[in-house]
């Protein structure tokens, strides 16, 4: 059994076989999920490397405990203290390599509908060689000449601006597109939730109670959150900016709620209701809180902290930098990874392309994300092969390979911008990542307003274009 397991893992690493879980007591795994898990592990590996590169603590520990550290740095031409291997410029280069890796596979896997072709085998196997390729591309990015040209537009010669000088802005655009995809899927999730539970009211009136209860809970959370932020993030004689933002975002929550139940919208979209607007209001409240807690500290001309628009317990928490950095970074990248994996399912891909199931086919259920006709049940009906792997793509692919790699390409750009504090890159390091910066603050506020606009667009679009059919 051990020899068979080793042979299977060898075939996974160097051949086209699917990867199984290492432990014999673990359940069998579907090939489609094992493939996505392997790419996710590669992504996590590079993200951890980026966090290490942005850590001053790690750099200082290496300098103190590695013998002949400066000699080694000079030997590999990384600077006197390996400054070329740390900081925002190193993260930009590593993420450039990872983004190129996923973009190449995005092009390689275009229009694959069967898992039996050569390109599909490359996507689902040869993991050892793909790890070598990823490492080579991330390492090769450090050999790109003219670092200033690669990173800075202002210092690049005019004729060479188009080569690598705009990489930071490519990262910003890609990061915003990644945020946009998550917001679109959130709005789609809200509509799908309401449509599914509303379908159940035709046969069981208890679904009305479930809708009312969940809607009440979400509006209570949103209202309570805004009230608490008004108490803790404002002062009677100051914090005008916080008061304006809280009033604006609270007003937007009222606006989308009123539009969702307005007669003109109800005539065109009977499934529109307060459940969707309640969920969006909760997310707006969360983003508002996250943005306000990301504001940098205010100092006077003598460098003294004069911040008054944050709760006192928040200032005490941030004194333990190691706790905040470790916990916050872990939660942040778990959320990014979750967003990547949930954004690459077949249903998410169809939603972004405007393909939805017919309302009459909806079957109400509490866990509506995993339906009886969904990907999971379809996989269970397929034939099981191999000792530890279920080959679930014999009839066709269960997700879009190209779209999967494109999302991870965008996630690579988003990680690059997030780890380097977006446009405050020169003073960024992982230890002070959660102490706040204006770039992060405005990115979160922009995401908040973008979410509201996307949701309003799904409500207003059928009114503006009555001749077109909208499925949400």
Protein backbone atom coordinates (compact mmCIF):
# COMPACT_ATOMS: atom_id res chain seq x y z
CA UNK A 1 0.00 0.00 0.00
CA UNK A 2 2.85 2.35 0.85
CA UNK A 3 4.63 1.64 -2.43
CA UNK A 4 1.37 2.20 -4.31
CA UNK A 5 0.86 5.52 -2.51
CA UNK A 6 4.41 6.65 -3.31
CA UNK A 7 3.95 5.68 -6.94
CA UNK A 8 0.72 7.66 -7.07
CA UNK A 9 2.33 10.76 -5.60
CA UNK A 10 5.25 10.43 -8.03
CA UNK A 11 2.80 10.21 -10.94
CA UNK A 12 1.06 13.30 -9.56
CA UNK A 13 4.27 15.33 -9.31
CA UNK A 14 5.85 14.29 -12.60
CA UNK A 15 2.89 13.06 -14.66
CA UNK A 16 -0.78 13.64 -15.40
CA UNK A 17 -2.28 11.73 -12.46
CA UNK A 18 -4.42 13.62 -9.97
CA UNK A 19 -3.01 14.42 -6.53
CA UNK A 20 -4.51 12.67 -3.52
CA UNK A 21 -4.38 13.50 0.18
CA UNK A 22 -1.16 12.28 1.76
CA UNK A 23 -2.68 10.55 4.80
CA UNK A 24 -4.28 7.16 4.24
CA UNK A 25 -7.04 7.88 6.74
CA UNK A 26 -8.10 10.98 4.80
CA UNK A 27 -11.13 10.72 2.51
CA UNK A 28 -10.83 10.48 -1.22
CA UNK A 29 -10.63 13.77 -3.09
CA UNK A 30 -12.01 14.78 -6.47
CA UNK A 31 -9.48 15.62 -9.13
CA UNK A 32 -11.03 19.02 -9.80
CA UNK A 33 -10.69 19.98 -6.13
CA UNK A 34 -7.18 18.56 -5.76
CA UNK A 35 -6.06 20.64 -8.74
CA UNK A 36 -7.49 23.84 -7.29
CA UNK A 37 -5.98 22.99 -3.91
CA UNK A 38 -2.51 22.56 -5.40
CA UNK A 39 -2.66 25.92 -7.17
CA UNK A 40 -3.93 27.47 -3.93
CA UNK A 41 -0.93 26.01 -2.07
CA UNK A 42 1.42 27.55 -4.64
CA UNK A 43 -0.35 30.87 -4.16
CA UNK A 44 -0.06 30.64 -0.35
CA UNK A 45 3.64 29.81 -0.65
CA UNK A 46 4.37 32.96 -2.64
CA UNK A 47 2.15 35.10 -0.38
CA UNK A 48 4.07 33.92 2.69
CA UNK A 49 7.32 34.77 0.91
CA UNK A 50 5.97 38.28 0.22
CA UNK A 51 5.07 38.74 3.90
CA UNK A 52 8.59 37.67 4.91
CA UNK A 53 10.09 40.11 2.43
CA UNK A 54 8.04 42.95 3.91
CA UNK A 55 9.00 42.14 7.51
CA UNK A 56 11.70 44.23 9.15
CA UNK A 57 11.81 41.77 12.04
CA UNK A 58 12.74 38.87 9.78
CA UNK A 59 15.38 40.95 8.00
CA UNK A 60 16.98 41.98 11.30
CA UNK A 61 16.91 38.40 12.64
CA UNK A 62 18.61 37.10 9.51
CA UNK A 63 21.26 39.80 9.74
CA UNK A 64 22.00 38.91 13.36
CA UNK A 65 21.95 35.11 13.20
CA UNK A 66 23.25 34.16 9.74
CA UNK A 67 27.08 33.96 9.70
CA UNK A 68 28.83 36.01 7.02
CA UNK A 69 25.49 37.57 6.09
CA UNK A 70 26.96 40.62 4.34
CA UNK A 71 29.47 38.50 2.44
CA UNK A 72 26.67 36.25 1.20
CA UNK A 73 24.62 39.27 0.12
CA UNK A 74 27.54 40.71 -1.81
CA UNK A 75 28.28 37.31 -3.33
CA UNK A 76 24.80 37.00 -4.82
CA UNK A 77 24.83 40.69 -5.82
CA UNK A 78 21.81 41.52 -3.67
CA UNK A 79 23.35 44.61 -2.08
CA UNK A 80 25.46 45.07 1.03
CA UNK A 81 22.65 43.87 3.33
CA UNK A 82 20.47 42.05 0.76
CA UNK A 83 18.29 45.12 0.40
CA UNK A 84 17.31 44.00 -3.10
CA UNK A 85 15.67 40.89 -1.63
CA UNK A 86 13.45 42.72 0.85
CA UNK A 87 11.00 45.61 0.78
CA UNK A 88 8.33 46.63 -1.66
CA UNK A 89 10.54 46.32 -4.77
CA UNK A 90 11.18 42.63 -3.99
CA UNK A 91 7.46 42.00 -3.47
CA UNK A 92 6.70 43.68 -6.80
CA UNK A 93 9.15 41.37 -8.55
CA UNK A 94 7.96 38.17 -6.88
CA UNK A 95 4.33 39.01 -7.59
CA UNK A 96 5.29 39.87 -11.17
CA UNK A 97 6.62 36.33 -11.55
CA UNK A 98 3.52 34.78 -9.95
CA UNK A 99 1.18 36.92 -12.06
CA UNK A 100 3.03 35.88 -15.23
CA UNK A 101 2.77 32.23 -14.16
CA UNK A 102 -1.02 32.36 -13.81
CA UNK A 103 -1.46 34.53 -16.90
CA UNK A 104 0.47 32.04 -19.04
CA UNK A 105 -1.73 29.21 -17.78
CA UNK A 106 -4.79 31.38 -18.40
CA UNK A 107 -3.81 31.63 -22.08
CA UNK A 108 -2.78 27.97 -22.22
CA UNK A 109 -6.14 26.73 -20.94
CA UNK A 110 -8.44 28.89 -23.09
CA UNK A 111 -11.54 27.09 -24.39
CA UNK A 112 -10.84 23.74 -22.71
CA UNK A 113 -14.06 21.74 -22.35
CA UNK A 114 -12.60 18.29 -21.84
CA UNK A 115 -10.05 17.01 -19.34
CA UNK A 116 -8.64 14.46 -21.80
CA UNK A 117 -6.59 16.83 -23.94
CA UNK A 118 -2.91 17.61 -23.66
CA UNK A 119 -3.49 21.11 -22.27
CA UNK A 120 -5.89 19.75 -19.66
CA UNK A 121 -3.29 17.21 -18.56
CA UNK A 122 -0.78 20.03 -18.11
CA UNK A 123 -3.32 21.94 -16.00
CA UNK A 124 -4.13 18.92 -13.79
CA UNK A 125 -0.67 17.38 -13.40
CA UNK A 126 3.10 17.85 -13.56
CA UNK A 127 3.10 19.65 -10.22
CA UNK A 128 6.81 19.35 -9.56
CA UNK A 129 7.68 20.95 -12.90
CA UNK A 130 5.11 23.69 -12.39
CA UNK A 131 6.61 24.44 -8.98
CA UNK A 132 10.01 24.75 -10.64
CA UNK A 133 8.50 27.03 -13.28
CA UNK A 134 6.87 29.25 -10.65
CA UNK A 135 10.13 29.47 -8.70
CA UNK A 136 12.08 30.26 -11.87
CA UNK A 137 9.67 33.04 -12.88
CA UNK A 138 9.67 34.63 -9.41
CA UNK A 139 13.47 34.42 -9.25
CA UNK A 140 13.92 35.59 -12.82
CA UNK A 141 12.03 38.80 -12.05
CA UNK A 142 15.02 39.91 -9.94
CA UNK A 143 17.19 39.88 -13.06
CA UNK A 144 15.05 42.43 -14.87
CA UNK A 145 17.43 45.34 -15.47
CA UNK A 146 16.82 48.96 -14.53
CA UNK A 147 14.96 48.67 -11.26
CA UNK A 148 13.89 52.32 -11.39
CA UNK A 149 12.40 51.78 -14.85
CA UNK A 150 10.58 48.68 -13.61
CA UNK A 151 9.06 50.39 -10.60
CA UNK A 152 8.81 54.14 -11.12
CA UNK A 153 7.14 56.05 -13.92
CA UNK A 154 8.70 59.38 -13.01
CA UNK A 155 12.28 58.15 -13.29
CA UNK A 156 11.82 56.14 -16.49
CA UNK A 157 12.99 57.54 -19.82
CA UNK A 158 10.09 58.62 -21.99
CA UNK A 159 10.79 56.12 -24.74
CA UNK A 160 10.94 53.17 -22.35
CA UNK A 161 7.89 54.00 -20.23
CA UNK A 162 5.72 51.31 -21.79
CA UNK A 163 7.98 48.34 -20.90
CA UNK A 164 7.86 47.98 -17.13
CA UNK A 165 7.41 51.47 -15.74
CA UNK A 166 3.65 51.07 -15.42
CA UNK A 167 3.80 47.82 -13.43
CA UNK A 168 2.57 49.50 -10.26
CA UNK A 169 -0.45 50.87 -12.11
CA UNK A 170 -1.09 47.51 -13.74
CA UNK A 171 -1.16 46.09 -10.23
CA UNK A 172 -3.59 48.76 -9.06
CA UNK A 173 -5.95 48.17 -12.00
CA UNK A 174 -5.77 44.39 -11.51
CA UNK A 175 -6.36 44.76 -7.79
CA UNK A 176 -9.47 46.87 -8.36
CA UNK A 177 -10.77 44.38 -10.94
CA UNK A 178 -10.31 41.61 -8.36
CA UNK A 179 -12.27 43.66 -5.82
CA UNK A 180 -14.92 44.31 -8.48
CA UNK A 181 -15.35 40.59 -9.18
CA UNK A 182 -15.88 39.91 -5.48
CA UNK A 183 -18.45 42.70 -5.26
CA UNK A 184 -20.32 41.45 -8.33
CA UNK A 185 -20.44 37.95 -6.85
CA UNK A 186 -21.65 39.37 -3.53
CA UNK A 187 -24.53 41.15 -5.27
CA UNK A 188 -25.27 37.99 -7.27
CA UNK A 189 -25.23 35.97 -4.03
CA UNK A 190 -27.74 38.36 -2.45
CA UNK A 191 -30.14 38.03 -5.40
CA UNK A 192 -29.70 34.26 -5.52
CA UNK A 193 -30.40 33.95 -1.79
CA UNK A 194 -33.63 35.93 -2.00
CA UNK A 195 -34.78 34.14 -5.17
CA UNK A 196 -34.16 30.70 -3.67
CA UNK A 197 -35.94 31.32 -0.39
CA UNK A 198 -38.81 33.16 -2.10
CA UNK A 199 -39.33 30.08 -4.30
CA UNK A 200 -40.03 28.07 -1.16
CA UNK A 201 -42.94 30.25 -0.11
CA UNK A 202 -45.10 28.69 -2.83
CA UNK A 203 -45.17 25.36 -0.96
CA UNK A 204 -44.30 26.31 2.63
CA UNK A 205 -45.26 29.61 4.25
CA UNK A 206 -42.52 29.17 6.89
CA UNK A 207 -40.06 30.49 4.32
CA UNK A 208 -41.70 33.90 4.80
CA UNK A 209 -40.74 33.73 8.48
CA UNK A 210 -37.17 32.75 7.56
CA UNK A 211 -36.92 35.68 5.13
CA UNK A 212 -38.30 38.12 7.70
CA UNK A 213 -36.03 36.85 10.48
CA UNK A 214 -32.82 36.99 8.44
CA UNK A 215 -33.72 40.41 7.03
CA UNK A 216 -34.39 41.74 10.53
CA UNK A 217 -31.08 40.37 11.80
CA UNK A 218 -29.09 41.95 8.96
CA UNK A 219 -30.71 45.35 9.33
CA UNK A 220 -30.16 45.18 13.09
CA UNK A 221 -26.49 44.43 12.54
CA UNK A 222 -26.12 47.24 10.00
CA UNK A 223 -27.97 49.79 12.15
CA UNK A 224 -26.18 48.75 15.33
CA UNK A 225 -22.82 48.90 13.60
CA UNK A 226 -23.40 52.43 12.31
CA UNK A 227 -24.58 53.59 15.74
CA UNK A 228 -21.53 52.08 17.48
CA UNK A 229 -19.21 53.72 14.95
CA UNK A 230 -20.94 57.04 15.55
CA UNK A 231 -20.30 56.59 19.28
CA UNK A 232 -16.69 55.42 19.15
CA UNK A 233 -15.31 57.05 15.98
CA UNK A 234 -16.69 60.56 16.44
CA UNK A 235 -16.36 63.29 19.04
CA UNK A 236 -18.72 66.13 19.84
CA UNK A 237 -16.31 68.87 18.74
CA UNK A 238 -14.35 67.09 16.02
CA UNK A 239 -14.09 64.15 13.62
CA UNK A 240 -16.06 65.96 10.91
CA UNK A 241 -14.75 63.63 8.21
CA UNK A 242 -15.92 60.54 10.10
CA UNK A 243 -19.34 62.11 10.68
CA UNK A 244 -19.72 62.89 6.97
CA UNK A 245 -18.71 59.38 5.90
CA UNK A 246 -20.98 57.68 8.44
CA UNK A 247 -23.90 59.88 7.40
CA UNK A 248 -23.19 59.29 3.70
CA UNK A 249 -22.91 55.50 3.99
CA UNK A 250 -25.93 55.31 6.28
CA UNK A 251 -27.88 57.33 3.75
CA UNK A 252 -26.78 54.98 0.97
CA UNK A 253 -28.13 52.03 2.98
CA UNK A 254 -31.49 53.78 3.26
CA UNK A 255 -31.41 54.62 -0.45
CA UNK A 256 -30.86 51.05 -1.66
CA UNK A 257 -33.54 49.79 0.74
CA UNK A 258 -36.07 52.29 -0.58
CA UNK A 259 -35.21 51.56 -4.22
CA UNK A 260 -35.40 47.78 -3.68
CA UNK A 261 -39.05 47.94 -2.54
CA UNK A 262 -40.17 50.82 -4.75
CA UNK A 263 -43.20 49.98 -6.96
CA UNK A 264 -41.38 50.63 -10.24
CA UNK A 265 -38.61 48.19 -9.35
CA UNK A 266 -41.07 45.62 -8.00
CA UNK A 267 -43.02 45.69 -11.27
CA UNK A 268 -39.92 44.76 -13.26
CA UNK A 269 -38.24 42.57 -10.62
CA UNK A 270 -40.72 40.85 -8.31
CA UNK A 271 -37.88 39.00 -6.59
CA UNK A 272 -36.27 42.24 -5.40
CA UNK A 273 -36.68 42.79 -1.68
CA UNK A 274 -35.17 43.84 1.62
CA UNK A 275 -33.11 40.67 2.03
CA UNK A 276 -30.67 41.75 -0.67
CA UNK A 277 -30.49 45.35 0.48
CA UNK A 278 -30.02 44.15 4.08
CA UNK A 279 -27.05 42.02 3.08
CA UNK A 280 -25.50 44.87 1.08
CA UNK A 281 -26.10 47.23 4.03
CA UNK A 282 -24.25 44.82 6.34
CA UNK A 283 -21.33 44.72 3.93
CA UNK A 284 -21.32 48.52 3.61
CA UNK A 285 -21.25 48.75 7.42
CA UNK A 286 -18.34 46.32 7.60
CA UNK A 287 -16.35 48.19 4.94
CA UNK A 288 -17.03 51.49 6.69
CA UNK A 289 -15.74 50.10 9.98
CA UNK A 290 -12.72 48.58 8.25
CA UNK A 291 -11.95 51.87 6.52
CA UNK A 292 -12.28 53.98 9.68
CA UNK A 293 -10.04 51.57 11.59
CA UNK A 294 -7.48 51.83 8.76
CA UNK A 295 -7.00 55.58 9.06
CA UNK A 296 -3.43 56.51 10.04
CA UNK A 297 -2.71 58.21 13.34
CA UNK A 298 -2.71 62.01 13.46
CA UNK A 299 0.42 63.77 14.75
CA UNK A 300 1.20 67.40 15.47
CA UNK A 301 4.27 69.35 14.39
CA UNK A 302 6.28 67.79 17.23
CA UNK A 303 5.40 64.23 16.19
CA UNK A 304 3.01 63.68 19.12
CA UNK A 305 0.01 61.41 18.58
CA UNK A 306 -3.09 63.61 18.74
CA UNK A 307 -5.57 61.11 17.30
CA UNK A 308 -9.00 61.53 18.89
CA UNK A 309 -11.31 59.89 16.32
CA UNK A 310 -10.64 56.27 17.30
CA UNK A 311 -11.79 54.33 20.39
CA UNK A 312 -9.31 54.16 23.24
CA UNK A 313 -9.38 50.37 23.39
CA UNK A 314 -8.38 50.34 19.70
CA UNK A 315 -5.24 52.30 20.46
CA UNK A 316 -4.37 49.87 23.28
CA UNK A 317 -4.83 46.88 20.99
CA UNK A 318 -2.45 48.17 18.35
CA UNK A 319 0.36 48.41 20.91
CA UNK A 320 0.87 44.65 20.62
CA UNK A 321 2.18 44.78 17.05
CA UNK A 322 3.10 41.09 16.84
CA UNK A 323 -0.41 39.95 17.80
CA UNK A 324 -2.14 42.37 15.43
CA UNK A 325 0.24 41.64 12.55
CA UNK A 326 0.08 37.86 12.89
CA UNK A 327 -3.66 37.57 13.40
CA UNK A 328 -4.59 40.28 10.93
CA UNK A 329 -2.33 38.98 8.15
CA UNK A 330 -3.61 35.43 8.60
CA UNK A 331 -7.26 36.50 8.44
CA UNK A 332 -6.62 38.79 5.48
CA UNK A 333 -5.03 36.16 3.29
CA UNK A 334 -7.49 33.46 4.33
CA UNK A 335 -10.19 35.81 3.04
CA UNK A 336 -8.26 36.38 -0.20
CA UNK A 337 -7.80 32.64 -0.69
CA UNK A 338 -11.48 31.99 0.05
CA UNK A 339 -12.43 34.68 -2.46
CA UNK A 340 -10.21 33.09 -5.11
CA UNK A 341 -11.61 29.58 -4.65
CA UNK A 342 -15.28 30.63 -4.43
CA UNK A 343 -14.88 32.92 -7.44
CA UNK A 344 -13.65 30.08 -9.67
CA UNK A 345 -16.60 27.70 -9.48
CA UNK A 346 -18.75 27.06 -12.52
CA UNK A 347 -21.71 28.89 -10.95
CA UNK A 348 -19.60 32.00 -10.26
CA UNK A 349 -18.24 31.97 -13.80
CA UNK A 350 -21.78 31.70 -15.18
CA UNK A 351 -22.97 34.52 -12.92
CA UNK A 352 -20.29 36.89 -14.19
CA UNK A 353 -21.38 36.06 -17.75
CA UNK A 354 -25.06 36.65 -16.91
CA UNK A 355 -26.17 33.00 -17.07
CA UNK A 356 -28.60 32.01 -14.31
CA UNK A 357 -30.89 29.10 -13.59
CA UNK A 358 -34.55 29.57 -14.46
CA UNK A 359 -36.66 30.72 -11.45
CA UNK A 360 -39.07 27.80 -11.87
CA UNK A 361 -36.18 25.35 -11.37
CA UNK A 362 -35.27 26.80 -7.96
CA UNK A 363 -35.67 24.45 -4.99
CA UNK A 364 -35.67 26.29 -1.66
CA UNK A 365 -33.12 25.04 0.89
CA UNK A 366 -31.13 26.53 3.74
CA UNK A 367 -27.74 25.73 2.20
CA UNK A 368 -28.70 26.82 -1.30
CA UNK A 369 -25.07 27.26 -2.40
CA UNK A 370 -24.79 23.47 -2.79
CA UNK A 371 -27.82 22.44 -4.72
CA UNK A 372 -29.07 19.03 -5.70
CA UNK A 373 -28.19 19.76 -9.31
CA UNK A 374 -24.94 21.51 -8.47
CA UNK A 375 -21.37 20.59 -8.92
CA UNK A 376 -21.13 18.39 -5.85
CA UNK A 377 -23.96 16.03 -6.77
CA UNK A 378 -22.83 15.84 -10.35
CA UNK A 379 -19.40 14.76 -9.20
CA UNK A 380 -20.80 12.05 -6.94
CA UNK A 381 -22.53 10.41 -9.88
CA UNK A 382 -19.29 9.90 -11.77
CA UNK A 383 -17.18 6.78 -11.67
CA UNK A 384 -14.50 6.52 -8.99
CA UNK A 385 -11.03 5.45 -10.04
CA UNK A 386 -7.62 5.20 -8.48
CA UNK A 387 -6.71 4.54 -4.87
CA UNK A 388 -7.25 8.02 -3.49
CA UNK A 389 -8.57 10.21 -6.35
CA UNK A 390 -12.06 10.51 -7.84
CA UNK A 391 -11.75 11.49 -11.50
CA UNK A 392 -14.84 13.66 -11.77
CA UNK A 393 -14.23 15.35 -15.14
CA UNK A 394 -14.65 12.46 -17.55
CA UNK A 395 -17.75 13.97 -19.16
CA UNK A 396 -16.35 17.49 -19.20
CA UNK A 397 -14.71 20.11 -17.04
CA UNK A 398 -16.64 21.14 -13.92
CA UNK A 399 -15.13 24.64 -13.88
CA UNK A 400 -13.46 26.99 -16.35
CA UNK A 401 -9.71 26.41 -16.28
CA UNK A 402 -8.91 29.70 -17.97
CA UNK A 403 -11.17 31.74 -15.71
CA UNK A 404 -9.65 29.98 -12.67
CA UNK A 405 -6.15 31.13 -13.64
CA UNK A 406 -7.37 34.61 -14.51
CA UNK A 407 -8.81 35.08 -11.01
CA UNK A 408 -5.52 33.97 -9.46
CA UNK A 409 -3.69 36.33 -11.81
CA UNK A 410 -5.80 39.20 -10.48
CA UNK A 411 -5.35 37.94 -6.92
CA UNK A 412 -1.57 38.08 -7.41
CA UNK A 413 -1.86 41.76 -8.32
CA UNK A 414 -4.21 42.40 -5.40
CA UNK A 415 -1.77 40.77 -2.96
CA UNK A 416 1.08 42.84 -4.39
CA UNK A 417 -0.81 46.08 -3.82
CA UNK A 418 -2.23 45.07 -0.44
CA UNK A 419 1.05 43.91 1.12
CA UNK A 420 2.78 47.10 -0.03
CA UNK A 421 -0.06 49.34 1.30
CA UNK A 422 -1.16 50.28 -2.22
CA UNK A 423 0.34 53.71 -2.93
CA UNK A 424 2.14 54.13 0.41
CA UNK A 425 4.70 51.54 -0.67
CA UNK A 426 7.92 53.34 0.31
CA UNK A 427 7.14 53.32 4.05
CA UNK A 428 5.29 50.00 4.08
CA UNK A 429 6.26 46.99 6.18
CA UNK A 430 4.25 44.09 7.51
CA UNK A 431 4.67 45.10 11.18
CA UNK A 432 2.84 48.41 10.63
CA UNK A 433 0.44 47.04 8.02
CA UNK A 434 -2.57 47.28 10.33
CA UNK A 435 -1.68 50.64 11.85
CA UNK A 436 -3.42 52.25 8.88
CA UNK A 437 -2.66 54.32 5.80
CA UNK A 438 -4.65 56.71 3.65
CA UNK A 439 -4.29 54.47 0.60
CA UNK A 440 -5.93 51.51 2.34
CA UNK A 441 -8.59 53.81 3.80
CA UNK A 442 -9.67 55.17 0.42
CA UNK A 443 -9.47 51.78 -1.30
CA UNK A 444 -11.96 50.41 1.25
CA UNK A 445 -14.24 53.42 0.99
CA UNK A 446 -14.16 53.17 -2.82
CA UNK A 447 -15.03 49.46 -2.55
CA UNK A 448 -17.96 50.37 -0.32
CA UNK A 449 -19.38 52.87 -2.81
CA UNK A 450 -18.67 50.53 -5.74
CA UNK A 451 -20.71 47.81 -4.02
CA UNK A 452 -23.67 50.17 -3.61
CA UNK A 453 -23.45 51.29 -7.25
CA UNK A 454 -23.32 47.69 -8.52
CA UNK A 455 -26.38 46.74 -6.50
CA UNK A 456 -28.28 49.84 -7.63
CA UNK A 457 -27.33 49.01 -11.22
CA UNK A 458 -28.99 45.59 -10.93
CA UNK A 459 -32.17 47.33 -9.73
CA UNK A 460 -32.25 50.26 -12.14
CA UNK A 461 -30.94 48.57 -15.31
CA UNK A 462 -34.26 46.84 -16.15
CA UNK A 463 -35.99 50.23 -15.89
CA UNK A 464 -33.51 51.94 -18.17
CA UNK A 465 -33.49 49.12 -20.72
CA UNK A 466 -37.04 47.66 -20.70
CA UNK A 467 -36.53 45.76 -23.95
CA UNK A 468 -33.70 43.63 -22.51
CA UNK A 469 -34.14 40.60 -20.27
CA UNK A 470 -32.36 40.62 -16.91
CA UNK A 471 -32.10 37.39 -14.93
CA UNK A 472 -31.22 38.63 -11.45
